[in-house]
Protein backbone atom coordinates (compact mmCIF):
# COMPACT_ATOMS: atom_id res chain seq x y z
CA UNK A 1 36.26 5.84 -50.37
CA UNK A 2 37.67 2.14 -50.60
CA UNK A 3 35.62 -0.67 -48.66
CA UNK A 4 38.88 -0.71 -46.38
CA UNK A 5 38.80 2.55 -45.29
CA UNK A 6 35.19 2.49 -44.31
CA UNK A 7 35.83 -0.37 -42.08
CA UNK A 8 38.62 1.35 -40.51
CA UNK A 9 36.56 4.54 -39.64
CA UNK A 10 34.16 2.14 -37.62
CA UNK A 11 36.53 1.39 -34.48
CA UNK A 12 36.91 5.68 -34.62
CA UNK A 13 33.02 6.14 -34.79
CA UNK A 14 32.32 3.74 -32.04
CA UNK A 15 34.77 5.01 -29.72
CA UNK A 16 33.57 8.78 -30.64
CA UNK A 17 29.71 7.17 -29.78
CA UNK A 18 30.81 5.47 -26.47
CA UNK A 19 32.78 9.01 -25.33
CA UNK A 20 29.77 11.22 -26.28
CA UNK A 21 27.41 9.12 -24.36
CA UNK A 22 29.64 8.94 -21.24
CA UNK A 23 29.58 12.80 -21.40
CA UNK A 24 26.06 13.15 -20.95
CA UNK A 25 24.75 14.68 -17.66
CA UNK A 26 23.60 12.77 -15.09
CA UNK A 27 20.44 13.62 -13.19
CA UNK A 28 21.03 16.41 -10.67
CA UNK A 29 19.29 14.45 -7.91
CA UNK A 30 18.41 10.64 -7.30
CA UNK A 31 14.77 9.29 -8.27
CA UNK A 32 12.57 9.60 -4.93
CA UNK A 33 13.60 6.49 -2.86
CA UNK A 34 10.14 6.50 -0.88
CA UNK A 35 7.99 6.26 -4.43
CA UNK A 36 10.47 2.92 -5.50
CA UNK A 37 9.65 1.32 -1.74
CA UNK A 38 5.80 1.66 -2.67
CA UNK A 39 3.94 -1.68 -2.02
CA UNK A 40 0.63 -2.34 -3.49
CA UNK A 41 -1.47 -5.66 -2.34
CA UNK A 42 -4.66 -6.21 -4.44
CA UNK A 43 -5.68 -3.87 -7.04
CA UNK A 44 -4.15 -0.82 -7.53
CA UNK A 45 -5.29 2.30 -5.41
CA UNK A 46 -5.89 5.85 -6.80
CA UNK A 47 -4.78 7.96 -3.67
CA UNK A 48 -5.99 11.27 -5.37
CA UNK A 49 -9.55 10.99 -3.55
CA UNK A 50 -8.18 9.53 -0.20
CA UNK A 51 -9.84 10.89 2.58
CA UNK A 52 -8.21 10.77 6.02
CA UNK A 53 -8.86 7.53 8.31
CA UNK A 54 -9.48 9.99 11.32
CA UNK A 55 -12.44 11.87 9.35
CA UNK A 56 -14.03 8.67 8.31
CA UNK A 57 -14.13 7.33 11.65
CA UNK A 58 -15.88 10.33 13.24
CA UNK A 59 -19.10 9.69 11.03
CA UNK A 60 -18.74 6.38 9.21
CA UNK A 61 -22.76 5.78 8.72
CA UNK A 62 -22.30 8.89 6.10
CA UNK A 63 -19.84 6.32 3.83
CA UNK A 64 -21.75 2.89 5.21
CA UNK A 65 -21.63 0.26 2.03
CA UNK A 66 -19.71 2.62 -0.11
CA UNK A 67 -16.76 2.29 -2.00
CA UNK A 68 -13.68 4.55 -0.05
CA UNK A 69 -10.36 5.41 -0.32
CA UNK A 70 -8.92 5.94 3.17
CA UNK A 71 -5.03 6.88 4.14
CA UNK A 72 -3.83 6.63 7.54
CA UNK A 73 -0.88 5.14 9.71
CA UNK A 74 -0.81 1.38 10.09
CA UNK A 75 -1.40 0.75 13.69
CA UNK A 76 -1.36 -3.27 13.76
CA UNK A 77 -1.28 -5.90 11.58
CA UNK A 78 -2.95 -9.84 12.32
CA UNK A 79 -0.01 -11.33 13.53
CA UNK A 80 -1.18 -14.91 12.32
CA UNK A 81 -2.05 -14.49 8.62
CA UNK A 82 -1.44 -10.60 7.57
CA UNK A 83 -5.10 -11.10 6.63
CA UNK A 84 -6.23 -7.77 8.40
CA UNK A 85 -4.47 -4.26 9.23
CA UNK A 86 -5.50 -1.28 11.40
CA UNK A 87 -5.40 2.37 10.47
CA UNK A 88 -4.96 4.54 12.98
CA UNK A 89 -7.52 7.50 13.59
CA UNK A 90 -6.36 9.47 16.29
CA UNK A 91 -8.83 9.50 18.93
CA UNK A 92 -11.70 7.69 17.15
CA UNK A 93 -11.37 3.94 17.19
CA UNK A 94 -9.27 2.63 14.35
CA UNK A 95 -10.68 1.27 11.42
CA UNK A 96 -9.90 -2.18 10.63
CA UNK A 97 -8.95 -3.12 6.93
CA UNK A 98 -9.87 -6.72 6.17
CA UNK A 99 -8.57 -8.51 3.12
CA UNK A 100 -10.98 -10.40 1.04
CA UNK A 101 -11.36 -14.34 1.46
CA UNK A 102 -11.80 -16.94 -1.25
CA UNK A 103 -12.79 -20.53 -1.18
CA UNK A 104 -8.77 -21.33 -0.90
CA UNK A 105 -7.99 -18.80 1.60
CA UNK A 106 -7.61 -15.06 0.87
CA UNK A 107 -7.24 -12.93 -2.35
CA UNK A 108 -3.72 -11.61 -0.84
CA UNK A 109 -2.25 -10.78 2.53
CA UNK A 110 -0.14 -8.51 3.63
CA UNK A 111 3.37 -9.01 5.72
CA UNK A 112 2.87 -9.15 9.57
CA UNK A 113 5.97 -6.63 9.96
CA UNK A 114 4.10 -4.26 7.51
CA UNK A 115 4.38 -0.58 8.61
CA UNK A 116 4.23 2.97 7.57
CA UNK A 117 1.36 5.20 5.88
CA UNK A 118 -1.59 3.28 4.04
CA UNK A 119 -4.23 4.23 1.55
CA UNK A 120 -7.01 1.47 1.24
CA UNK A 121 -9.78 1.39 -1.14
CA UNK A 122 -12.62 -0.86 -0.14
CA UNK A 123 -16.21 -1.32 0.81
CA UNK A 124 -16.88 0.55 4.47
CA UNK A 125 -19.38 -0.84 6.84
CA UNK A 126 -19.73 -0.48 10.96
CA UNK A 127 -20.10 -4.16 12.50
CA UNK A 128 -21.01 -5.43 15.64
CA UNK A 129 -18.76 -8.31 16.57
CA UNK A 130 -19.64 -11.26 18.98
CA UNK A 131 -17.41 -12.12 21.99
CA UNK A 132 -15.74 -14.95 19.86
CA UNK A 133 -14.61 -12.68 17.00
CA UNK A 134 -13.60 -10.28 19.62
CA UNK A 135 -11.22 -12.87 21.08
CA UNK A 136 -10.19 -14.44 17.85
CA UNK A 137 -8.75 -10.47 16.74
CA UNK A 138 -7.21 -10.13 20.06
CA UNK A 139 -5.27 -13.46 19.20
CA UNK A 140 -4.16 -12.40 16.09
CA UNK A 141 -2.65 -9.48 17.65
CA UNK A 142 -5.31 -6.42 17.97
CA UNK A 143 -4.09 -3.91 20.44
CA UNK A 144 -7.90 -3.08 21.28
CA UNK A 145 -10.97 -4.60 20.23
CA UNK A 146 -14.25 -3.48 20.76
CA UNK A 147 -18.14 -4.74 20.39
CA UNK A 148 -18.67 -2.38 17.45
CA UNK A 149 -16.00 -1.17 14.78
CA UNK A 150 -15.48 0.48 11.43
CA UNK A 151 -14.46 -1.75 8.85
CA UNK A 152 -13.26 -1.83 5.11
CA UNK A 153 -13.48 -4.91 2.88
CA UNK A 154 -10.19 -4.09 0.77
CA UNK A 155 -9.89 -4.50 -2.82
CA UNK A 156 -6.41 -2.88 -2.85
CA UNK A 157 -4.08 -1.69 -0.07
CA UNK A 158 -1.32 0.75 -1.09
CA UNK A 159 1.70 1.14 1.59
CA UNK A 160 4.50 3.57 2.01
CA UNK A 161 6.43 2.03 4.29
CA UNK A 162 8.52 3.41 6.91
CA UNK A 163 12.34 4.05 5.96
């Protein structure tokens, strides 16, 4: 076949390739929209080993000063800087999730409008809050502040936001 003949057949081959690609079947269902909307703040979080916030809050002393992964619904977020959020535990007191501080502020913050299911990894502890800290948290938007609370110093927060 001559060079001219080969060149003339290229457009035909190109059209065939485009049509063949257009005839490919599409996925039967769209990708999971919730998985696309997942937001991560700080380090990545492995959800496989997550414990329910209600379970952790009932006996926090068993997990004191250990790294835990806890899952629960966000009940409150700091309305000033997004430097903490609270996980609802049902009947027990909420678990406050604190964002780590640095010399310049915070390692990361969360949006003050954040809502949804959160999975958090960090160090768990139970702390006594003085009245000044209680007042400060109330000013930041905490719905209920107690003298003693369970906290997680977060390294990572993964949130599946409300739809």
